[in-house]
Amino acid sequence: MVWAVANSIFYLGGSHGRHGFDPYPYILLNLMLSMTAAMQAPIIMMSQNRSAEKDRLAAQQNFKLNL
């Protein structure tokens, strides 16, 4: 949100023909958000695998208890 506001202020404050530091499709912002998602994805996947492993162990314990 800060990025869009700063870019809009820069765009509106400039003279005619000048664009913001990152024009409308916000390519630089999109690149940074994509890189952030790419760095977060492995961490999220690892936490999901850990959760699945804990659920599997709990299910095994419940099965043994029921036997």
PDB file of N, CA and C in Angstrom:
ATOM      1  N   MET A   1       0.832  -1.178   0.000  1.00  0.00           N
ATOM      2  CA  MET A   1       0.000   0.000   0.000  1.00  0.00           C
ATOM      3  C   MET A   1       0.887   1.256   0.000  1.00  0.00           C
ATOM      4  N   VAL A   2       1.940   1.212   0.806  1.00  0.00           N
ATOM      5  CA  VAL A   2       2.866   2.347   0.863  1.00  0.00           C
ATOM      6  C   VAL A   2       3.494   2.577  -0.503  1.00  0.00           C
ATOM      7  N   TRP A   3       3.828   1.468  -1.167  1.00  0.00           N
ATOM      8  CA  TRP A   3       4.450   1.551  -2.489  1.00  0.00           C
ATOM      9  C   TRP A   3       3.525   2.274  -3.472  1.00  0.00           C
ATOM     10  N   ALA A   4       2.259   1.885  -3.506  1.00  0.00           N
ATOM     11  CA  ALA A   4       1.312   2.496  -4.444  1.00  0.00           C
ATOM     12  C   ALA A   4       1.083   3.967  -4.113  1.00  0.00           C
ATOM     13  N   VAL A   5       0.982   4.301  -2.833  1.00  0.00           N
ATOM     14  CA  VAL A   5       0.767   5.705  -2.434  1.00  0.00           C
ATOM     15  C   VAL A   5       1.990   6.552  -2.809  1.00  0.00           C
ATOM     16  N   ALA A   6       3.181   6.065  -2.473  1.00  0.00           N
ATOM     17  CA  ALA A   6       4.403   6.825  -2.793  1.00  0.00           C
ATOM     18  C   ALA A   6       4.550   7.007  -4.297  1.00  0.00           C
ATOM     19  N   ASN A   7       4.266   5.961  -5.042  1.00  0.00           N
ATOM     20  CA  ASN A   7       4.381   6.038  -6.491  1.00  0.00           C
ATOM     21  C   ASN A   7       3.341   6.997  -7.062  1.00  0.00           C
ATOM     22  N   SER A   8       2.136   7.003  -6.517  1.00  0.00           N
ATOM     23  CA  SER A   8       1.082   7.913  -6.988  1.00  0.00           C
ATOM     24  C   SER A   8       1.425   9.359  -6.673  1.00  0.00           C
ATOM     25  N   ILE A   9       1.958   9.607  -5.483  1.00  0.00           N
ATOM     26  CA  ILE A   9       2.355  10.974  -5.120  1.00  0.00           C
ATOM     27  C   ILE A   9       3.461  11.460  -6.047  1.00  0.00           C
ATOM     28  N   PHE A  10       4.425  10.596  -6.313  1.00  0.00           N
ATOM     29  CA  PHE A  10       5.512  10.954  -7.222  1.00  0.00           C
ATOM     30  C   PHE A  10       4.964  11.226  -8.619  1.00  0.00           C
ATOM     31  N   TYR A  11       3.985  10.411  -9.032  1.00  0.00           N
ATOM     32  CA  TYR A  11       3.382  10.561 -10.361  1.00  0.00           C
ATOM     33  C   TYR A  11       2.599  11.869 -10.458  1.00  0.00           C
ATOM     34  N   LEU A  12       1.805  12.166  -9.437  1.00  0.00           N
ATOM     35  CA  LEU A  12       0.987  13.377  -9.472  1.00  0.00           C
ATOM     36  C   LEU A  12       1.825  14.638  -9.288  1.00  0.00           C
ATOM     37  N   GLY A  13       2.926  14.544  -8.574  1.00  0.00           N
ATOM     38  CA  GLY A  13       3.771  15.707  -8.337  1.00  0.00           C
ATOM     39  C   GLY A  13       4.686  16.035  -9.496  1.00  0.00           C
ATOM     40  N   GLY A  14       4.863  15.095 -10.410  1.00  0.00           N
ATOM     41  CA  GLY A  14       5.777  15.311 -11.537  1.00  0.00           C
ATOM     42  C   GLY A  14       5.155  16.140 -12.627  1.00  0.00           C
ATOM     43  N   SER A  15       5.990  16.562 -13.545  1.00  0.00           N
ATOM     44  CA  SER A  15       5.498  17.345 -14.680  1.00  0.00           C
ATOM     45  C   SER A  15       4.868  16.400 -15.707  1.00  0.00           C
ATOM     46  N   HIS A  16       4.244  16.971 -16.729  1.00  0.00           N
ATOM     47  CA  HIS A  16       3.605  16.140 -17.758  1.00  0.00           C
ATOM     48  C   HIS A  16       4.667  15.323 -18.477  1.00  0.00           C
ATOM     49  N   GLY A  17       4.320  14.096 -18.759  1.00  0.00           N
ATOM     50  CA  GLY A  17       5.261  13.230 -19.457  1.00  0.00           C
ATOM     51  C   GLY A  17       6.119  12.404 -18.512  1.00  0.00           C
ATOM     52  N   ARG A  18       6.166  12.782 -17.233  1.00  0.00           N
ATOM     53  CA  ARG A  18       6.931  11.991 -16.267  1.00  0.00           C
ATOM     54  C   ARG A  18       6.013  10.975 -15.627  1.00  0.00           C
ATOM     55  N   HIS A  19       6.539   9.834 -15.379  1.00  0.00           N
ATOM     56  CA  HIS A  19       5.768   8.784 -14.725  1.00  0.00           C
ATOM     57  C   HIS A  19       6.403   8.503 -13.379  1.00  0.00           C
ATOM     58  N   GLY A  20       5.693   7.763 -12.545  1.00  0.00           N
ATOM     59  CA  GLY A  20       6.238   7.377 -11.253  1.00  0.00           C
ATOM     60  C   GLY A  20       7.479   6.516 -11.435  1.00  0.00           C
ATOM     61  N   PHE A  21       8.159   6.243 -10.332  1.00  0.00           N
ATOM     62  CA  PHE A  21       9.383   5.463 -10.430  1.00  0.00           C
ATOM     63  C   PHE A  21       9.095   4.026 -10.846  1.00  0.00           C
ATOM     64  N   ASP A  22       7.844   3.575 -10.687  1.00  0.00           N
ATOM     65  CA  ASP A  22       7.431   2.247 -11.137  1.00  0.00           C
ATOM     66  C   ASP A  22       6.066   2.413 -11.804  1.00  0.00           C
ATOM     67  N   PRO A  23       6.012   2.582 -13.132  1.00  0.00           N
ATOM     68  CA  PRO A  23       4.754   2.877 -13.819  1.00  0.00           C
ATOM     69  C   PRO A  23       3.659   1.841 -13.555  1.00  0.00           C
ATOM     70  N   TYR A  24       2.461   2.149 -14.021  1.00  0.00           N
ATOM     71  CA  TYR A  24       1.219   1.495 -13.626  1.00  0.00           C
ATOM     72  C   TYR A  24       1.258  -0.012 -13.379  1.00  0.00           C
ATOM     73  N   PRO A  25       1.746  -0.842 -14.255  1.00  0.00           N
ATOM     74  CA  PRO A  25       1.627  -2.271 -13.906  1.00  0.00           C
ATOM     75  C   PRO A  25       2.446  -2.653 -12.670  1.00  0.00           C
ATOM     76  N   TYR A  26       3.195  -1.693 -12.114  1.00  0.00           N
ATOM     77  CA  TYR A  26       4.015  -1.940 -10.916  1.00  0.00           C
ATOM     78  C   TYR A  26       4.889  -3.180 -11.082  1.00  0.00           C
ATOM     79  N   ILE A  27       5.699  -3.189 -12.113  1.00  0.00           N
ATOM     80  CA  ILE A  27       6.525  -4.345 -12.425  1.00  0.00           C
ATOM     81  C   ILE A  27       7.540  -4.613 -11.320  1.00  0.00           C
ATOM     82  N   LEU A  28       8.180  -3.580 -10.806  1.00  0.00           N
ATOM     83  CA  LEU A  28       9.173  -3.766  -9.748  1.00  0.00           C
ATOM     84  C   LEU A  28       8.518  -4.279  -8.477  1.00  0.00           C
ATOM     85  N   LEU A  29       7.368  -3.754  -8.121  1.00  0.00           N
ATOM     86  CA  LEU A  29       6.634  -4.228  -6.946  1.00  0.00           C
ATOM     87  C   LEU A  29       6.234  -5.685  -7.128  1.00  0.00           C
ATOM     88  N   ASN A  30       5.759  -6.037  -8.304  1.00  0.00           N
ATOM     89  CA  ASN A  30       5.371  -7.415  -8.597  1.00  0.00           C
ATOM     90  C   ASN A  30       6.576  -8.347  -8.470  1.00  0.00           C
ATOM     91  N   LEU A  31       7.727  -7.909  -8.946  1.00  0.00           N
ATOM     92  CA  LEU A  31       8.933  -8.713  -8.838  1.00  0.00           C
ATOM     93  C   LEU A  31       9.302  -8.946  -7.375  1.00  0.00           C
ATOM     94  N   MET A  32       9.231  -7.910  -6.562  1.00  0.00           N
ATOM     95  CA  MET A  32       9.589  -8.053  -5.147  1.00  0.00           C
ATOM     96  C   MET A  32       8.602  -8.966  -4.419  1.00  0.00           C
ATOM     97  N   LEU A  33       7.318  -8.843  -4.716  1.00  0.00           N
ATOM     98  CA  LEU A  33       6.328  -9.715  -4.087  1.00  0.00           C
ATOM     99  C   LEU A  33       6.507 -11.170  -4.521  1.00  0.00           C
ATOM    100  N   SER A  34       6.850 -11.383  -5.778  1.00  0.00           N
ATOM    101  CA  SER A  34       7.098 -12.741  -6.267  1.00  0.00           C
ATOM    102  C   SER A  34       8.316 -13.356  -5.592  1.00  0.00           C
ATOM    103  N   MET A  35       9.363 -12.554  -5.404  1.00  0.00           N
ATOM    104  CA  MET A  35      10.560 -13.061  -4.731  1.00  0.00           C
ATOM    105  C   MET A  35      10.253 -13.397  -3.279  1.00  0.00           C
ATOM    106  N   THR A  36       9.436 -12.576  -2.620  1.00  0.00           N
ATOM    107  CA  THR A  36       9.047 -12.853  -1.239  1.00  0.00           C
ATOM    108  C   THR A  36       8.267 -14.159  -1.151  1.00  0.00           C
ATOM    109  N   ALA A  37       7.343 -14.357  -2.069  1.00  0.00           N
ATOM    110  CA  ALA A  37       6.558 -15.595  -2.085  1.00  0.00           C
ATOM    111  C   ALA A  37       7.451 -16.796  -2.354  1.00  0.00           C
ATOM    112  N   ALA A  38       8.438 -16.637  -3.228  1.00  0.00           N
ATOM    113  CA  ALA A  38       9.347 -17.743  -3.531  1.00  0.00           C
ATOM    114  C   ALA A  38      10.205 -18.112  -2.322  1.00  0.00           C
ATOM    115  N   MET A  39      10.558 -17.126  -1.504  1.00  0.00           N
ATOM    116  CA  MET A  39      11.347 -17.422  -0.301  1.00  0.00           C
ATOM    117  C   MET A  39      10.481 -18.023   0.795  1.00  0.00           C
ATOM    118  N   GLN A  40       9.208 -17.660   0.847  1.00  0.00           N
ATOM    119  CA  GLN A  40       8.331 -18.164   1.894  1.00  0.00           C
ATOM    120  C   GLN A  40       7.800 -19.561   1.588  1.00  0.00           C
ATOM    121  N   ALA A  41       7.693 -19.922   0.341  1.00  0.00           N
ATOM    122  CA  ALA A  41       7.094 -21.196  -0.045  1.00  0.00           C
ATOM    123  C   ALA A  41       7.780 -22.401   0.602  1.00  0.00           C
ATOM    124  N   PRO A  42       9.113 -22.518   0.585  1.00  0.00           N
ATOM    125  CA  PRO A  42       9.734 -23.691   1.216  1.00  0.00           C
ATOM    126  C   PRO A  42       9.460 -23.767   2.720  1.00  0.00           C
ATOM    127  N   ILE A  43       9.429 -22.617   3.376  1.00  0.00           N
ATOM    128  CA  ILE A  43       9.173 -22.606   4.818  1.00  0.00           C
ATOM    129  C   ILE A  43       7.750 -23.078   5.100  1.00  0.00           C
ATOM    130  N   ILE A  44       6.797 -22.621   4.301  1.00  0.00           N
ATOM    131  CA  ILE A  44       5.414 -23.042   4.475  1.00  0.00           C
ATOM    132  C   ILE A  44       5.278 -24.538   4.221  1.00  0.00           C
ATOM    133  N   MET A  45       5.936 -25.032   3.178  1.00  0.00           N
ATOM    134  CA  MET A  45       5.856 -26.461   2.872  1.00  0.00           C
ATOM    135  C   MET A  45       6.456 -27.306   3.993  1.00  0.00           C
ATOM    136  N   MET A  46       7.578 -26.848   4.566  1.00  0.00           N
ATOM    137  CA  MET A  46       8.195 -27.591   5.665  1.00  0.00           C
ATOM    138  C   MET A  46       7.267 -27.637   6.871  1.00  0.00           C
ATOM    139  N   SER A  47       6.603 -26.530   7.182  1.00  0.00           N
ATOM    140  CA  SER A  47       5.706 -26.519   8.340  1.00  0.00           C
ATOM    141  C   SER A  47       4.499 -27.416   8.094  1.00  0.00           C
ATOM    142  N   GLN A  48       4.007 -27.482   6.862  1.00  0.00           N
ATOM    143  CA  GLN A  48       2.887 -28.365   6.551  1.00  0.00           C
ATOM    144  C   GLN A  48       3.310 -29.827   6.681  1.00  0.00           C
ATOM    145  N   ASN A  49       4.531 -30.149   6.243  1.00  0.00           N
ATOM    146  CA  ASN A  49       5.018 -31.523   6.367  1.00  0.00           C
ATOM    147  C   ASN A  49       5.157 -31.909   7.826  1.00  0.00           C
ATOM    148  N   ARG A  50       5.623 -30.976   8.662  1.00  0.00           N
ATOM    149  CA  ARG A  50       5.751 -31.254  10.089  1.00  0.00           C
ATOM    150  C   ARG A  50       4.401 -31.504  10.719  1.00  0.00           C
ATOM    151  N   SER A  51       3.433 -30.713  10.339  1.00  0.00           N
ATOM    152  CA  SER A  51       2.079 -30.867  10.865  1.00  0.00           C
ATOM    153  C   SER A  51       1.495 -32.217  10.443  1.00  0.00           C
ATOM    154  N   ALA A  52       1.710 -32.597   9.199  1.00  0.00           N
ATOM    155  CA  ALA A  52       1.213 -33.887   8.712  1.00  0.00           C
ATOM    156  C   ALA A  52       1.884 -35.034   9.460  1.00  0.00           C
ATOM    157  N   GLU A  53       3.168 -34.900   9.749  1.00  0.00           N
ATOM    158  CA  GLU A  53       3.880 -35.949  10.485  1.00  0.00           C
ATOM    159  C   GLU A  53       3.337 -36.072  11.910  1.00  0.00           C
ATOM    160  N   LYS A  54       3.071 -34.948  12.550  1.00  0.00           N
ATOM    161  CA  LYS A  54       2.492 -34.985  13.900  1.00  0.00           C
ATOM    162  C   LYS A  54       1.107 -35.627  13.880  1.00  0.00           C
ATOM    163  N   ASP A  55       0.307 -35.303  12.869  1.00  0.00           N
ATOM    164  CA  ASP A  55      -1.027 -35.906  12.753  1.00  0.00           C
ATOM    165  C   ASP A  55      -0.931 -37.416  12.547  1.00  0.00           C
ATOM    166  N   ARG A  56       0.032 -37.846  11.750  1.00  0.00           N
ATOM    167  CA  ARG A  56       0.213 -39.273  11.501  1.00  0.00           C
ATOM    168  C   ARG A  56       0.606 -40.006  12.773  1.00  0.00           C
ATOM    169  N   LEU A  57       1.524 -39.414  13.556  1.00  0.00           N
ATOM    170  CA  LEU A  57       1.931 -40.033  14.817  1.00  0.00           C
ATOM    171  C   LEU A  57       0.770 -40.087  15.805  1.00  0.00           C
ATOM    172  N   ALA A  58      -0.031 -39.041  15.856  1.00  0.00           N
ATOM    173  CA  ALA A  58      -1.199 -39.040  16.746  1.00  0.00           C
ATOM    174  C   ALA A  58      -2.194 -40.117  16.331  1.00  0.00           C
ATOM    175  N   ALA A  59      -2.392 -40.295  15.032  1.00  0.00           N
ATOM    176  CA  ALA A  59      -3.303 -41.327  14.529  1.00  0.00           C
ATOM    177  C   ALA A  59      -2.786 -42.714  14.895  1.00  0.00           C
ATOM    178  N   GLN A  60      -1.478 -42.926  14.801  1.00  0.00           N
ATOM    179  CA  GLN A  60      -0.900 -44.222  15.176  1.00  0.00           C
ATOM    180  C   GLN A  60      -1.106 -44.496  16.657  1.00  0.00           C
ATOM    181  N   GLN A  61      -0.902 -43.488  17.478  1.00  0.00           N
ATOM    182  CA  GLN A  61      -1.099 -43.666  18.921  1.00  0.00           C
ATOM    183  C   GLN A  61      -2.558 -43.962  19.241  1.00  0.00           C
ATOM    184  N   ASN A  62      -3.481 -43.281  18.586  1.00  0.00           N
ATOM    185  CA  ASN A  62      -4.903 -43.543  18.795  1.00  0.00           C
ATOM    186  C   ASN A  62      -5.264 -44.969  18.359  1.00  0.00           C
ATOM    187  N   PHE A  63      -4.676 -45.423  17.258  1.00  0.00           N
ATOM    188  CA  PHE A  63      -4.930 -46.775  16.764  1.00  0.00           C
ATOM    189  C   PHE A  63      -4.446 -47.807  17.787  1.00  0.00           C
ATOM    190  N   LYS A  64      -3.227 -47.606  18.296  1.00  0.00           N
ATOM    191  CA  LYS A  64      -2.680 -48.540  19.298  1.00  0.00           C
ATOM    192  C   LYS A  64      -3.531 -48.522  20.569  1.00  0.00           C
ATOM    193  N   LEU A  65      -4.004 -47.356  20.956  1.00  0.00           N
ATOM    194  CA  LEU A  65      -4.837 -47.244  22.146  1.00  0.00           C
ATOM    195  C   LEU A  65      -6.161 -47.980  21.959  1.00  0.00           C
ATOM    196  N   ASN A  66      -6.730 -47.866  20.760  1.00  0.00           N
ATOM    197  CA  ASN A  66      -7.993 -48.535  20.460  1.00  0.00           C
ATOM    198  C   ASN A  66      -7.825 -50.053  20.415  1.00  0.00           C
ATOM    199  N   LEU A  67      -6.663 -50.541  19.989  1.00  0.00           N
ATOM    200  CA  LEU A  67      -6.435 -51.986  19.948  1.00  0.00           C
ATOM    201  C   LEU A  67      -6.408 -52.532  21.363  1.00  0.00           C
TER     202      LEU A  67
END
